[in-house]
Amino acid sequence: MGALLLASCIPPSASAVESPRILGWEDLKVTVKFEDPFEALTGEQLMKLSLYARVQGMLESRPTKVSGGMAREAEEAKALLR
């Protein structure tokens, strides 16, 4: 009786045997659209942004390694990005 009760709980579509679907790389590829905030930046602006981010990261992790000149250069880079 337990087997009969269990069989009655399985939906008909789940008990049907389907043939396996073969997937390739093209089936797994997804195109994601997004707005790239760096797309409009020039090469020079990207370099300034990189410099600023690097110095900020150093200030957070190793503040004693940042010289006054590095801090000034990062602030100048930040001002040019506005």
PDB file of N, CA and C in Angstrom:
ATOM      1  N   MET A   1       0.818  -1.189   0.000  1.00  0.00           N
ATOM      2  CA  MET A   1       0.000   0.000   0.000  1.00  0.00           C
ATOM      3  C   MET A   1       0.865   1.257   0.000  1.00  0.00           C
ATOM      4  N   GLY A   2       2.019   1.199   0.695  1.00  0.00           N
ATOM      5  CA  GLY A   2       2.915   2.349   0.721  1.00  0.00           C
ATOM      6  C   GLY A   2       3.424   2.711  -0.667  1.00  0.00           C
ATOM      7  N   ALA A   3       3.720   1.686  -1.487  1.00  0.00           N
ATOM      8  CA  ALA A   3       4.217   1.939  -2.840  1.00  0.00           C
ATOM      9  C   ALA A   3       3.141   2.594  -3.695  1.00  0.00           C
ATOM     10  N   LEU A   4       1.907   2.168  -3.501  1.00  0.00           N
ATOM     11  CA  LEU A   4       0.796   2.748  -4.256  1.00  0.00           C
ATOM     12  C   LEU A   4       0.602   4.205  -3.875  1.00  0.00           C
ATOM     13  N   LEU A   5       0.712   4.519  -2.605  1.00  0.00           N
ATOM     14  CA  LEU A   5       0.587   5.895  -2.129  1.00  0.00           C
ATOM     15  C   LEU A   5       1.714   6.756  -2.688  1.00  0.00           C
ATOM     16  N   LEU A   6       2.933   6.235  -2.690  1.00  0.00           N
ATOM     17  CA  LEU A   6       4.076   6.962  -3.227  1.00  0.00           C
ATOM     18  C   LEU A   6       3.914   7.211  -4.719  1.00  0.00           C
ATOM     19  N   ALA A   7       3.469   6.224  -5.452  1.00  0.00           N
ATOM     20  CA  ALA A   7       3.285   6.360  -6.900  1.00  0.00           C
ATOM     21  C   ALA A   7       2.224   7.389  -7.228  1.00  0.00           C
ATOM     22  N   SER A   8       1.233   7.530  -6.371  1.00  0.00           N
ATOM     23  CA  SER A   8       0.177   8.500  -6.645  1.00  0.00           C
ATOM     24  C   SER A   8       0.645   9.935  -6.422  1.00  0.00           C
ATOM     25  N   CYS A   9       1.768  10.129  -5.731  1.00  0.00           N
ATOM     26  CA  CYS A   9       2.301  11.466  -5.472  1.00  0.00           C
ATOM     27  C   CYS A   9       3.186  11.986  -6.596  1.00  0.00           C
ATOM     28  N   ILE A  10       3.593  11.109  -7.493  1.00  0.00           N
ATOM     29  CA  ILE A  10       4.481  11.511  -8.588  1.00  0.00           C
ATOM     30  C   ILE A  10       3.633  12.028  -9.743  1.00  0.00           C
ATOM     31  N   PRO A  11       3.885  13.279 -10.186  1.00  0.00           N
ATOM     32  CA  PRO A  11       3.096  13.810 -11.304  1.00  0.00           C
ATOM     33  C   PRO A  11       3.354  12.997 -12.574  1.00  0.00           C
ATOM     34  N   PRO A  12       2.372  12.891 -13.452  1.00  0.00           N
ATOM     35  CA  PRO A  12       2.522  12.086 -14.672  1.00  0.00           C
ATOM     36  C   PRO A  12       3.701  12.518 -15.539  1.00  0.00           C
ATOM     37  N   SER A  13       3.982  13.817 -15.633  1.00  0.00           N
ATOM     38  CA  SER A  13       5.077  14.274 -16.488  1.00  0.00           C
ATOM     39  C   SER A  13       6.433  13.841 -15.937  1.00  0.00           C
ATOM     40  N   ALA A  14       6.547  13.673 -14.620  1.00  0.00           N
ATOM     41  CA  ALA A  14       7.810  13.263 -14.022  1.00  0.00           C
ATOM     42  C   ALA A  14       8.080  11.798 -14.270  1.00  0.00           C
ATOM     43  N   SER A  15       7.032  11.005 -14.443  1.00  0.00           N
ATOM     44  CA  SER A  15       7.247   9.580 -14.654  1.00  0.00           C
ATOM     45  C   SER A  15       7.538   9.255 -16.117  1.00  0.00           C
ATOM     46  N   ALA A  16       7.240  10.168 -17.038  1.00  0.00           N
ATOM     47  CA  ALA A  16       7.519   9.937 -18.452  1.00  0.00           C
ATOM     48  C   ALA A  16       9.016  10.033 -18.700  1.00  0.00           C
ATOM     49  N   VAL A  17       9.543   9.141 -19.508  1.00  0.00           N
ATOM     50  CA  VAL A  17      10.971   9.139 -19.815  1.00  0.00           C
ATOM     51  C   VAL A  17      11.198  10.011 -21.040  1.00  0.00           C
ATOM     52  N   GLU A  18      12.054  11.020 -20.876  1.00  0.00           N
ATOM     53  CA  GLU A  18      12.387  11.900 -21.991  1.00  0.00           C
ATOM     54  C   GLU A  18      13.787  11.563 -22.479  1.00  0.00           C
ATOM     55  N   SER A  19      14.004  11.755 -23.764  1.00  0.00           N
ATOM     56  CA  SER A  19      15.350  11.500 -24.279  1.00  0.00           C
ATOM     57  C   SER A  19      16.265  12.633 -23.835  1.00  0.00           C
ATOM     58  N   PRO A  20      17.516  12.319 -23.533  1.00  0.00           N
ATOM     59  CA  PRO A  20      18.435  13.356 -23.059  1.00  0.00           C
ATOM     60  C   PRO A  20      18.720  14.390 -24.142  1.00  0.00           C
ATOM     61  N   ARG A  21      18.919  15.596 -23.718  1.00  0.00           N
ATOM     62  CA  ARG A  21      19.243  16.695 -24.642  1.00  0.00           C
ATOM     63  C   ARG A  21      20.746  16.903 -24.603  1.00  0.00           C
ATOM     64  N   ILE A  22      21.371  16.926 -25.747  1.00  0.00           N
ATOM     65  CA  ILE A  22      22.814  17.139 -25.829  1.00  0.00           C
ATOM     66  C   ILE A  22      23.074  18.631 -25.930  1.00  0.00           C
ATOM     67  N   LEU A  23      23.878  19.160 -25.002  1.00  0.00           N
ATOM     68  CA  LEU A  23      24.201  20.579 -24.970  1.00  0.00           C
ATOM     69  C   LEU A  23      25.611  20.811 -25.472  1.00  0.00           C
ATOM     70  N   GLY A  24      25.787  21.892 -26.170  1.00  0.00           N
ATOM     71  CA  GLY A  24      27.114  22.326 -26.602  1.00  0.00           C
ATOM     72  C   GLY A  24      27.431  23.671 -25.974  1.00  0.00           C
ATOM     73  N   TRP A  25      28.619  24.197 -26.250  1.00  0.00           N
ATOM     74  CA  TRP A  25      29.034  25.483 -25.677  1.00  0.00           C
ATOM     75  C   TRP A  25      28.084  26.601 -26.062  1.00  0.00           C
ATOM     76  N   GLU A  26      27.581  26.574 -27.275  1.00  0.00           N
ATOM     77  CA  GLU A  26      26.663  27.624 -27.734  1.00  0.00           C
ATOM     78  C   GLU A  26      25.384  27.648 -26.906  1.00  0.00           C
ATOM     79  N   ASP A  27      24.958  26.486 -26.419  1.00  0.00           N
ATOM     80  CA  ASP A  27      23.764  26.428 -25.581  1.00  0.00           C
ATOM     81  C   ASP A  27      24.009  27.037 -24.204  1.00  0.00           C
ATOM     82  N   LEU A  28      25.254  27.044 -23.772  1.00  0.00           N
ATOM     83  CA  LEU A  28      25.606  27.529 -22.438  1.00  0.00           C
ATOM     84  C   LEU A  28      25.995  29.003 -22.425  1.00  0.00           C
ATOM     85  N   LYS A  29      26.268  29.547 -23.600  1.00  0.00           N
ATOM     86  CA  LYS A  29      26.714  30.935 -23.690  1.00  0.00           C
ATOM     87  C   LYS A  29      25.544  31.880 -23.457  1.00  0.00           C
ATOM     88  N   VAL A  30      25.767  32.872 -22.595  1.00  0.00           N
ATOM     89  CA  VAL A  30      24.741  33.855 -22.277  1.00  0.00           C
ATOM     90  C   VAL A  30      25.290  35.240 -22.617  1.00  0.00           C
ATOM     91  N   THR A  31      24.488  36.030 -23.286  1.00  0.00           N
ATOM     92  CA  THR A  31      24.882  37.400 -23.586  1.00  0.00           C
ATOM     93  C   THR A  31      24.296  38.300 -22.508  1.00  0.00           C
ATOM     94  N   VAL A  32      25.185  39.024 -21.832  1.00  0.00           N
ATOM     95  CA  VAL A  32      24.763  39.917 -20.760  1.00  0.00           C
ATOM     96  C   VAL A  32      25.018  41.346 -21.201  1.00  0.00           C
ATOM     97  N   LYS A  33      24.001  42.162 -21.169  1.00  0.00           N
ATOM     98  CA  LYS A  33      24.165  43.569 -21.528  1.00  0.00           C
ATOM     99  C   LYS A  33      24.328  44.369 -20.245  1.00  0.00           C
ATOM    100  N   PHE A  34      25.328  45.237 -20.234  1.00  0.00           N
ATOM    101  CA  PHE A  34      25.553  46.081 -19.067  1.00  0.00           C
ATOM    102  C   PHE A  34      26.163  47.392 -19.522  1.00  0.00           C
ATOM    103  N   GLU A  35      26.046  48.382 -18.683  1.00  0.00           N
ATOM    104  CA  GLU A  35      26.618  49.688 -18.978  1.00  0.00           C
ATOM    105  C   GLU A  35      28.030  49.729 -18.408  1.00  0.00           C
ATOM    106  N   ASP A  36      29.017  49.914 -19.260  1.00  0.00           N
ATOM    107  CA  ASP A  36      30.416  49.945 -18.844  1.00  0.00           C
ATOM    108  C   ASP A  36      30.768  51.375 -18.431  1.00  0.00           C
ATOM    109  N   PRO A  37      30.993  51.627 -17.138  1.00  0.00           N
ATOM    110  CA  PRO A  37      31.279  52.995 -16.705  1.00  0.00           C
ATOM    111  C   PRO A  37      32.654  53.495 -17.151  1.00  0.00           C
ATOM    112  N   PHE A  38      33.508  52.603 -17.614  1.00  0.00           N
ATOM    113  CA  PHE A  38      34.860  52.996 -18.034  1.00  0.00           C
ATOM    114  C   PHE A  38      34.970  53.194 -19.540  1.00  0.00           C
ATOM    115  N   GLU A  39      33.926  52.872 -20.271  1.00  0.00           N
ATOM    116  CA  GLU A  39      33.957  52.915 -21.736  1.00  0.00           C
ATOM    117  C   GLU A  39      34.298  54.304 -22.285  1.00  0.00           C
ATOM    118  N   ALA A  40      33.785  55.338 -21.666  1.00  0.00           N
ATOM    119  CA  ALA A  40      33.976  56.694 -22.173  1.00  0.00           C
ATOM    120  C   ALA A  40      35.297  57.320 -21.717  1.00  0.00           C
ATOM    121  N   LEU A  41      36.025  56.662 -20.814  1.00  0.00           N
ATOM    122  CA  LEU A  41      37.281  57.235 -20.320  1.00  0.00           C
ATOM    123  C   LEU A  41      38.398  57.082 -21.345  1.00  0.00           C
ATOM    124  N   THR A  42      39.245  58.083 -21.409  1.00  0.00           N
ATOM    125  CA  THR A  42      40.414  58.022 -22.285  1.00  0.00           C
ATOM    126  C   THR A  42      41.481  57.164 -21.615  1.00  0.00           C
ATOM    127  N   GLY A  43      42.512  56.836 -22.351  1.00  0.00           N
ATOM    128  CA  GLY A  43      43.633  56.086 -21.792  1.00  0.00           C
ATOM    129  C   GLY A  43      44.285  56.827 -20.639  1.00  0.00           C
ATOM    130  N   GLU A  44      44.425  58.136 -20.772  1.00  0.00           N
ATOM    131  CA  GLU A  44      45.030  58.939 -19.696  1.00  0.00           C
ATOM    132  C   GLU A  44      44.145  58.920 -18.442  1.00  0.00           C
ATOM    133  N   GLN A  45      42.833  59.037 -18.644  1.00  0.00           N
ATOM    134  CA  GLN A  45      41.921  59.004 -17.500  1.00  0.00           C
ATOM    135  C   GLN A  45      41.968  57.648 -16.796  1.00  0.00           C
ATOM    136  N   LEU A  46      42.066  56.576 -17.564  1.00  0.00           N
ATOM    137  CA  LEU A  46      42.173  55.249 -16.968  1.00  0.00           C
ATOM    138  C   LEU A  46      43.450  55.113 -16.147  1.00  0.00           C
ATOM    139  N   MET A  47      44.544  55.693 -16.642  1.00  0.00           N
ATOM    140  CA  MET A  47      45.802  55.657 -15.897  1.00  0.00           C
ATOM    141  C   MET A  47      45.675  56.452 -14.599  1.00  0.00           C
ATOM    142  N   LYS A  48      45.045  57.620 -14.660  1.00  0.00           N
ATOM    143  CA  LYS A  48      44.846  58.446 -13.458  1.00  0.00           C
ATOM    144  C   LYS A  48      43.967  57.707 -12.448  1.00  0.00           C
ATOM    145  N   LEU A  49      42.911  57.069 -12.938  1.00  0.00           N
ATOM    146  CA  LEU A  49      42.033  56.304 -12.064  1.00  0.00           C
ATOM    147  C   LEU A  49      42.789  55.153 -11.404  1.00  0.00           C
ATOM    148  N   SER A  50      43.614  54.493 -12.169  1.00  0.00           N
ATOM    149  CA  SER A  50      44.423  53.397 -11.646  1.00  0.00           C
ATOM    150  C   SER A  50      45.383  53.889 -10.565  1.00  0.00           C
ATOM    151  N   LEU A  51      46.032  55.003 -10.813  1.00  0.00           N
ATOM    152  CA  LEU A  51      46.958  55.591  -9.841  1.00  0.00           C
ATOM    153  C   LEU A  51      46.215  55.936  -8.549  1.00  0.00           C
ATOM    154  N   TYR A  52      45.089  56.590  -8.684  1.00  0.00           N
ATOM    155  CA  TYR A  52      44.309  56.988  -7.506  1.00  0.00           C
ATOM    156  C   TYR A  52      43.864  55.757  -6.715  1.00  0.00           C
ATOM    157  N   ALA A  53      43.350  54.749  -7.413  1.00  0.00           N
ATOM    158  CA  ALA A  53      42.867  53.540  -6.740  1.00  0.00           C
ATOM    159  C   ALA A  53      44.008  52.804  -6.044  1.00  0.00           C
ATOM    160  N   ARG A  54      45.169  52.752  -6.698  1.00  0.00           N
ATOM    161  CA  ARG A  54      46.328  52.062  -6.107  1.00  0.00           C
ATOM    162  C   ARG A  54      46.760  52.754  -4.820  1.00  0.00           C
ATOM    163  N   VAL A  55      46.858  54.073  -4.833  1.00  0.00           N
ATOM    164  CA  VAL A  55      47.281  54.820  -3.647  1.00  0.00           C
ATOM    165  C   VAL A  55      46.229  54.702  -2.545  1.00  0.00           C
ATOM    166  N   GLN A  56      44.944  54.752  -2.903  1.00  0.00           N
ATOM    167  CA  GLN A  56      43.885  54.603  -1.897  1.00  0.00           C
ATOM    168  C   GLN A  56      43.967  53.222  -1.245  1.00  0.00           C
ATOM    169  N   GLY A  57      44.210  52.196  -2.054  1.00  0.00           N
ATOM    170  CA  GLY A  57      44.355  50.848  -1.513  1.00  0.00           C
ATOM    171  C   GLY A  57      45.534  50.752  -0.560  1.00  0.00           C
ATOM    172  N   MET A  58      46.629  51.407  -0.915  1.00  0.00           N
ATOM    173  CA  MET A  58      47.803  51.402  -0.040  1.00  0.00           C
ATOM    174  C   MET A  58      47.506  52.149   1.256  1.00  0.00           C
ATOM    175  N   LEU A  59      46.760  53.257   1.157  1.00  0.00           N
ATOM    176  CA  LEU A  59      46.415  54.016   2.358  1.00  0.00           C
ATOM    177  C   LEU A  59      45.584  53.170   3.328  1.00  0.00           C
ATOM    178  N   GLU A  60      44.763  52.289   2.785  1.00  0.00           N
ATOM    179  CA  GLU A  60      43.931  51.438   3.634  1.00  0.00           C
ATOM    180  C   GLU A  60      44.712  50.274   4.231  1.00  0.00           C
ATOM    181  N   SER A  61      45.622  49.695   3.451  1.00  0.00           N
ATOM    182  CA  SER A  61      46.310  48.500   3.929  1.00  0.00           C
ATOM    183  C   SER A  61      47.698  48.776   4.512  1.00  0.00           C
ATOM    184  N   ARG A  62      48.432  49.720   3.932  1.00  0.00           N
ATOM    185  CA  ARG A  62      49.790  50.026   4.407  1.00  0.00           C
ATOM    186  C   ARG A  62      50.031  51.529   4.356  1.00  0.00           C
ATOM    187  N   PRO A  63      49.365  52.287   5.202  1.00  0.00           N
ATOM    188  CA  PRO A  63      49.454  53.752   5.130  1.00  0.00           C
ATOM    189  C   PRO A  63      50.874  54.290   5.296  1.00  0.00           C
ATOM    190  N   THR A  64      51.722  53.583   5.994  1.00  0.00           N
ATOM    191  CA  THR A  64      53.091  54.086   6.195  1.00  0.00           C
ATOM    192  C   THR A  64      53.920  53.998   4.921  1.00  0.00           C
ATOM    193  N   LYS A  65      53.470  53.245   3.943  1.00  0.00           N
ATOM    194  CA  LYS A  65      54.215  53.096   2.680  1.00  0.00           C
ATOM    195  C   LYS A  65      53.883  54.212   1.678  1.00  0.00           C
ATOM    196  N   VAL A  66      52.888  55.049   1.980  1.00  0.00           N
ATOM    197  CA  VAL A  66      52.480  56.117   1.065  1.00  0.00           C
ATOM    198  C   VAL A  66      53.216  57.394   1.440  1.00  0.00           C
ATOM    199  N   SER A  67      54.019  57.867   0.496  1.00  0.00           N
ATOM    200  CA  SER A  67      54.757  59.110   0.735  1.00  0.00           C
ATOM    201  C   SER A  67      53.845  60.309   0.478  1.00  0.00           C
ATOM    202  N   GLY A  68      54.287  61.459   0.921  1.00  0.00           N
ATOM    203  CA  GLY A  68      53.532  62.681   0.678  1.00  0.00           C
ATOM    204  C   GLY A  68      53.368  62.954  -0.804  1.00  0.00           C
ATOM    205  N   GLY A  69      54.425  62.669  -1.569  1.00  0.00           N
ATOM    206  CA  GLY A  69      54.364  62.866  -3.018  1.00  0.00           C
ATOM    207  C   GLY A  69      53.343  61.962  -3.683  1.00  0.00           C
ATOM    208  N   MET A  70      53.277  60.721  -3.204  1.00  0.00           N
ATOM    209  CA  MET A  70      52.292  59.783  -3.761  1.00  0.00           C
ATOM    210  C   MET A  70      50.871  60.252  -3.449  1.00  0.00           C
ATOM    211  N   ALA A  71      50.664  60.718  -2.238  1.00  0.00           N
ATOM    212  CA  ALA A  71      49.335  61.200  -1.840  1.00  0.00           C
ATOM    213  C   ALA A  71      48.934  62.417  -2.662  1.00  0.00           C
ATOM    214  N   ARG A  72      49.876  63.347  -2.889  1.00  0.00           N
ATOM    215  CA  ARG A  72      49.586  64.537  -3.717  1.00  0.00           C
ATOM    216  C   ARG A  72      49.267  64.129  -5.151  1.00  0.00           C
ATOM    217  N   GLU A  73      50.050  63.208  -5.680  1.00  0.00           N
ATOM    218  CA  GLU A  73      49.834  62.752  -7.052  1.00  0.00           C
ATOM    219  C   GLU A  73      48.450  62.092  -7.180  1.00  0.00           C
ATOM    220  N   ALA A  74      48.046  61.345  -6.175  1.00  0.00           N
ATOM    221  CA  ALA A  74      46.720  60.705  -6.207  1.00  0.00           C
ATOM    222  C   ALA A  74      45.609  61.742  -6.150  1.00  0.00           C
ATOM    223  N   GLU A  75      45.792  62.768  -5.344  1.00  0.00           N
ATOM    224  CA  GLU A  75      44.776  63.821  -5.248  1.00  0.00           C
ATOM    225  C   GLU A  75      44.694  64.618  -6.554  1.00  0.00           C
ATOM    226  N   GLU A  76      45.839  64.846  -7.206  1.00  0.00           N
ATOM    227  CA  GLU A  76      45.821  65.516  -8.508  1.00  0.00           C
ATOM    228  C   GLU A  76      45.108  64.662  -9.542  1.00  0.00           C
ATOM    229  N   ALA A  77      45.349  63.365  -9.504  1.00  0.00           N
ATOM    230  CA  ALA A  77      44.678  62.441 -10.430  1.00  0.00           C
ATOM    231  C   ALA A  77      43.173  62.468 -10.197  1.00  0.00           C
ATOM    232  N   LYS A  78      42.764  62.468  -8.928  1.00  0.00           N
ATOM    233  CA  LYS A  78      41.338  62.514  -8.586  1.00  0.00           C
ATOM    234  C   LYS A  78      40.698  63.802  -9.121  1.00  0.00           C
ATOM    235  N   ALA A  79      41.404  64.936  -8.974  1.00  0.00           N
ATOM    236  CA  ALA A  79      40.864  66.212  -9.445  1.00  0.00           C
ATOM    237  C   ALA A  79      40.671  66.210 -10.972  1.00  0.00           C
ATOM    238  N   LEU A  80      41.561  65.537 -11.692  1.00  0.00           N
ATOM    239  CA  LEU A  80      41.452  65.486 -13.153  1.00  0.00           C
ATOM    240  C   LEU A  80      40.315  64.576 -13.615  1.00  0.00           C
ATOM    241  N   LEU A  81      39.866  63.705 -12.765  1.00  0.00           N
ATOM    242  CA  LEU A  81      38.800  62.778 -13.149  1.00  0.00           C
ATOM    243  C   LEU A  81      37.406  63.380 -13.003  1.00  0.00           C
ATOM    244  N   ARG A  82      37.300  64.504 -12.379  1.00  0.00           N
ATOM    245  CA  ARG A  82      35.981  65.140 -12.185  1.00  0.00           C
ATOM    246  C   ARG A  82      35.496  65.824 -13.417  1.00  0.00           C
TER     247      ARG A  82
END
